[in-house]
Every structure is written in structure tokens, then in C-alpha cells.
Amino acid sequence: MLGLIKKDFLMLKGNFKTWLILLFVYIVMAFQESMSLTFLLPFMCVVTMLSTFSYDSYNKWDAYVCSLPDGRKNSVRAKYIATLLLVFVTVLITTILTIIISYYRTNTVNLSSIGESIFGAIFATTLLQSIMYPAIYKYGVEKARITIFIVIFGTALVGGVLSKYIDFEFIIQRLVFLEKYIMIIIPVVIVVMVYISYRISEAIYKRKEY
């Protein structure tokens, strides 16, 4: 499986220079207080990882990996692990840069605020991964993008309609007591979310014909 993870990273090698250029641009903008690095860079990693599915499809990788012992299972597992590794490495770099930029601008570092932002970034990116990957394994990259757009648009539409009949502010006020446990809740939710997504993707990929 390590070889499969390495394969995904090697496919991303061509994006390395682009990442460095974008990282430099975003750092400059962050110093000017016009952009935050917290969410953007981890999000870029997940979006970039989506391109590996296109590479796999173009090179007929699925037909080959299905012939390997436990190939389907290991392929899905490697894709998830590679993405999570990339996200967490990026989050680590982002955290260091955010601390440096924060100290440069204000001569202080609010670790609590930075920690909350980092947790939020990890949650958002893993949520994106958890939704996208099963859809990609089911429909392919192009159809999955359309499917996700429809789901997001539909959710926003339903949410807008429900907001007229449901007092969400009342519900949120009743959930304020959970705030003190947020640093425990978020990691648990992330683990459960990614695990369920992985199991769904694995089940889809095992049944798919190539």
C-alpha cells in the first residue's frame, strides 16, 4: 500500500512549483491582512488530490489495480491516507506561517484563535473529501463535480426554505453548552466522518466493473 501512496504523491509532483508560487502569493497577501492561509492551502491540497483520479482514469489504472491482491481495498485506503497526510502536512505548515505572520503584525500570538481556525480548516477539508470521494468512485470525476454542485445548491435551497419555518437561532442557543467540548467533538466527528466515507468508497469500488 505504501507504493500506492507514493504513486499518488508522484503524480502531484508536477504541481509542486505551482504550489510554491501560490504559497508565496498567499503569504504576501496574508502579511497585508487581505487573506487568511488557514483554510485556503489545505483546501487546495484536497482539490489537487482530485486530479489524481483523473490521472488514474486516463492511464486505465483501475483495470490494473483490480488485478492485484486486495488491489481495490488498498487503492481506496491509499487514496484516503495520501489525502489526509497531505492535508495535515499543509495544516502544520499553515499553522507555523500563521503564527509567524500573526506575531509580525501584532507582536502577539493568539494560540486559542489559531487553534480554532486550524480545527475548522481540518474539518472543512475532510468534509469535502468525505463527500467527494464516494461520489467520484460512484460516478467518476466529472459527474461527481456536477453531483456535488447539485447537492450543495439543493442543500442551500432547502436550508433557505426551512429557515422561514424553523427558528434556527433558538436551536443554536440551546447548543451553546457544547462550545466547551468543541475541541473534543470536532476530532471525533472528523474520524467518524472519514471512516464512514472510506467504507462507502470501498464498498462502491469493490462492486464496480472495469
Protein backbone atom coordinates (compact mmCIF):
# COMPACT_ATOMS: atom_id res chain seq x y z
CA MET A 1 0.00 0.00 0.00
CA LEU A 2 2.96 2.32 0.57
CA GLY A 3 3.66 2.05 -3.15
CA LEU A 4 0.12 3.21 -3.91
CA ILE A 5 0.50 6.21 -1.63
CA LYS A 6 3.84 7.04 -3.24
CA LYS A 7 2.20 6.76 -6.66
CA ASP A 8 -0.33 9.47 -5.78
CA PHE A 9 2.38 11.78 -4.46
CA LEU A 10 4.49 11.26 -7.57
CA MET A 11 1.52 12.24 -9.74
CA LEU A 12 1.30 15.50 -7.79
CA LYS A 13 5.00 16.23 -8.27
CA GLY A 14 4.28 18.36 -11.33
CA ASN A 15 2.14 20.69 -9.20
CA PHE A 16 4.95 21.43 -6.74
CA LYS A 17 6.19 24.60 -8.46
CA THR A 18 2.63 25.90 -8.79
CA TRP A 19 2.10 25.30 -5.06
CA LEU A 20 5.24 27.24 -4.20
CA ILE A 21 4.20 30.20 -6.36
CA LEU A 22 0.69 30.25 -4.90
CA LEU A 23 2.09 29.85 -1.39
CA PHE A 24 4.33 32.87 -1.91
CA VAL A 25 1.42 34.95 -3.25
CA TYR A 26 -0.85 33.96 -0.37
CA ILE A 27 1.85 34.69 2.23
CA VAL A 28 2.34 38.19 0.80
CA MET A 29 -1.43 38.77 0.87
CA ALA A 30 -1.66 37.39 4.42
CA PHE A 31 1.02 39.84 5.59
CA GLN A 32 -1.14 42.61 4.08
CA GLU A 33 -4.15 41.27 6.06
CA SER A 34 -6.11 40.66 2.86
CA MET A 35 -6.19 36.86 3.08
CA SER A 36 -6.01 34.04 5.61
CA LEU A 37 -3.89 30.96 4.95
CA THR A 38 -5.78 28.80 7.43
CA PHE A 39 -8.34 27.27 5.10
CA LEU A 40 -7.07 28.04 1.63
CA LEU A 41 -3.92 25.88 1.49
CA PRO A 42 -5.46 22.68 2.96
CA PHE A 43 -8.42 23.16 0.62
CA MET A 44 -6.02 23.41 -2.33
CA CYS A 45 -4.50 20.07 -1.32
CA VAL A 46 -7.83 18.26 -1.45
CA VAL A 47 -8.74 19.87 -4.78
CA THR A 48 -5.32 18.94 -6.18
CA MET A 49 -5.72 15.36 -4.96
CA LEU A 50 -8.90 15.13 -7.02
CA SER A 51 -6.70 15.39 -10.12
CA THR A 52 -5.14 12.01 -9.26
CA PHE A 53 -8.49 10.38 -10.02
CA SER A 54 -8.38 11.92 -13.49
CA TYR A 55 -4.82 10.64 -13.99
CA ASP A 56 -5.89 7.16 -12.87
CA SER A 57 -8.80 7.16 -15.29
CA TYR A 58 -6.71 8.44 -18.20
CA ASN A 59 -4.00 5.81 -17.66
CA LYS A 60 -6.50 2.94 -17.15
CA TRP A 61 -5.14 2.47 -13.64
CA ASP A 62 -8.35 0.98 -12.21
CA ALA A 63 -8.28 -2.03 -14.54
CA TYR A 64 -4.69 -2.75 -13.47
CA VAL A 65 -5.08 -2.28 -9.73
CA CYS A 66 -8.16 -4.51 -9.68
CA SER A 67 -5.95 -7.42 -10.79
CA LEU A 68 -3.69 -7.05 -7.72
CA PRO A 69 -4.28 -8.94 -4.44
CA ASP A 70 -6.53 -6.69 -2.33
CA GLY A 71 -5.89 -4.09 -5.02
CA ARG A 72 -9.27 -2.37 -4.78
CA LYS A 73 -9.20 -2.19 -0.97
CA ASN A 74 -5.60 -0.95 -0.81
CA SER A 75 -6.16 1.55 -3.61
CA VAL A 76 -9.06 3.24 -1.80
CA ARG A 77 -7.20 3.16 1.52
CA ALA A 78 -4.07 4.65 -0.06
CA LYS A 79 -6.09 7.46 -1.65
CA TYR A 80 -7.60 8.44 1.70
CA ILE A 81 -4.30 8.17 3.59
CA ALA A 82 -2.40 10.17 0.95
CA THR A 83 -5.01 12.93 1.10
CA LEU A 84 -5.02 13.07 4.90
CA LEU A 85 -1.22 13.12 5.04
CA LEU A 86 -1.13 15.97 2.54
CA VAL A 87 -3.79 17.91 4.46
CA PHE A 88 -2.10 17.50 7.84
CA VAL A 89 1.34 18.43 6.49
CA THR A 90 -0.19 21.51 4.89
CA VAL A 91 -2.02 22.35 8.11
CA LEU A 92 1.26 22.09 10.03
CA ILE A 93 2.97 24.45 7.58
CA THR A 94 -0.05 26.76 7.68
CA THR A 95 0.00 26.82 11.48
CA ILE A 96 3.67 27.79 11.58
CA LEU A 97 3.19 30.50 8.94
CA THR A 98 0.07 31.83 10.68
CA ILE A 99 1.93 32.12 13.99
CA ILE A 100 4.82 33.95 12.30
CA ILE A 101 2.52 36.32 10.41
CA SER A 102 0.38 36.97 13.49
CA TYR A 103 3.44 37.82 15.59
CA TYR A 104 4.82 40.04 12.83
CA ARG A 105 1.59 42.03 12.57
CA THR A 106 0.58 42.31 16.24
CA ASN A 107 3.60 41.19 18.30
CA THR A 108 1.27 38.66 19.94
CA VAL A 109 0.09 35.15 19.13
CA ASN A 110 -3.46 34.07 20.00
CA LEU A 111 -2.96 30.31 20.05
CA SER A 112 -6.58 29.68 21.01
CA SER A 113 -7.89 31.55 17.99
CA ILE A 114 -5.35 29.94 15.67
CA GLY A 115 -6.21 26.51 17.06
CA GLU A 116 -9.91 27.03 16.42
CA SER A 117 -9.18 28.17 12.86
CA ILE A 118 -6.96 25.15 12.22
CA PHE A 119 -9.57 22.74 13.56
CA GLY A 120 -12.14 24.43 11.37
CA ALA A 121 -9.88 24.09 8.32
CA ILE A 122 -9.27 20.39 9.00
CA PHE A 123 -12.98 19.80 9.47
CA ALA A 124 -13.91 21.65 6.27
CA THR A 125 -11.31 19.89 4.12
CA THR A 126 -12.04 16.41 5.48
CA LEU A 127 -15.76 17.09 4.99
CA LEU A 128 -15.05 17.96 1.35
CA GLN A 129 -13.01 14.78 0.97
CA SER A 130 -15.67 12.66 2.69
CA ILE A 131 -18.35 13.90 0.30
CA MET A 132 -16.32 13.98 -2.91
CA TYR A 133 -14.54 10.63 -2.79
CA PRO A 134 -17.59 8.32 -2.63
CA ALA A 135 -19.20 10.40 -5.38
CA ILE A 136 -16.07 10.09 -7.55
CA TYR A 137 -15.85 6.33 -7.07
CA LYS A 138 -19.54 6.07 -7.94
CA TYR A 139 -19.86 8.46 -10.88
CA GLY A 140 -16.33 9.44 -11.96
CA VAL A 141 -14.62 12.81 -11.55
CA GLU A 142 -16.66 14.90 -13.99
CA LYS A 143 -20.09 13.59 -12.98
CA ALA A 144 -19.13 13.78 -9.30
CA ARG A 145 -18.39 17.50 -9.60
CA ILE A 146 -21.83 18.08 -11.09
CA THR A 147 -23.42 15.87 -8.42
CA ILE A 148 -21.70 17.76 -5.59
CA PHE A 149 -22.77 21.09 -7.08
CA ILE A 150 -26.38 19.89 -7.22
CA VAL A 151 -26.21 18.60 -3.64
CA ILE A 152 -24.71 21.84 -2.31
CA PHE A 153 -27.16 24.00 -4.26
CA GLY A 154 -30.06 21.79 -3.20
CA THR A 155 -28.99 21.86 0.45
CA ALA A 156 -28.69 25.65 0.38
CA LEU A 157 -32.13 25.90 -1.25
CA VAL A 158 -33.75 23.55 1.28
CA GLY A 159 -31.98 25.37 4.12
CA GLY A 160 -33.28 28.70 2.83
CA VAL A 161 -36.84 27.39 2.70
CA LEU A 162 -36.65 25.77 6.14
CA SER A 163 -35.22 28.95 7.67
CA LYS A 164 -38.59 30.58 7.05
CA TYR A 165 -40.39 27.98 9.16
CA ILE A 166 -37.76 26.86 11.71
CA ASP A 167 -36.17 29.07 14.35
CA PHE A 168 -32.54 28.02 13.90
CA GLU A 169 -31.36 30.74 16.27
CA PHE A 170 -33.37 29.13 19.08
CA ILE A 171 -31.77 25.76 18.34
CA ILE A 172 -28.25 27.23 18.22
CA GLN A 173 -28.79 28.94 21.55
CA ARG A 174 -29.73 25.60 23.09
CA LEU A 175 -26.50 24.05 21.75
CA VAL A 176 -24.18 26.72 23.17
CA PHE A 177 -23.27 24.39 26.05
CA LEU A 178 -21.38 22.20 23.55
CA GLU A 179 -18.89 25.00 22.88
CA LYS A 180 -16.64 23.99 25.78
CA TYR A 181 -16.33 20.49 24.30
CA ILE A 182 -15.72 21.59 20.71
CA MET A 183 -12.03 20.60 20.72
CA ILE A 184 -13.08 17.05 21.57
CA ILE A 185 -16.17 16.89 19.40
CA ILE A 186 -14.52 18.03 16.16
CA PRO A 187 -11.73 15.36 16.11
CA VAL A 188 -14.28 12.65 16.91
CA VAL A 189 -16.62 13.86 14.18
CA ILE A 190 -13.72 14.02 11.69
CA VAL A 191 -12.64 10.44 12.43
CA VAL A 192 -16.20 9.10 12.18
CA MET A 193 -16.91 11.10 9.03
CA VAL A 194 -13.76 9.95 7.21
CA TYR A 195 -14.25 6.34 8.31
CA ILE A 196 -17.84 6.21 7.03
CA SER A 197 -16.78 7.87 3.78
CA TYR A 198 -13.93 5.38 3.37
CA ARG A 199 -16.22 2.41 3.93
CA ILE A 200 -18.72 3.73 1.39
CA SER A 201 -15.99 4.33 -1.19
CA GLU A 202 -14.52 0.89 -0.59
CA ALA A 203 -17.92 -0.80 -1.00
CA ILE A 204 -18.58 1.12 -4.23
CA TYR A 205 -15.14 0.37 -5.68
CA LYS A 206 -15.33 -3.34 -4.85
CA ARG A 207 -18.58 -3.71 -6.80
CA LYS A 208 -17.54 -1.63 -9.79
CA GLU A 209 -16.67 -3.31 -13.08
CA TYR A 210 -13.73 -2.17 -15.26
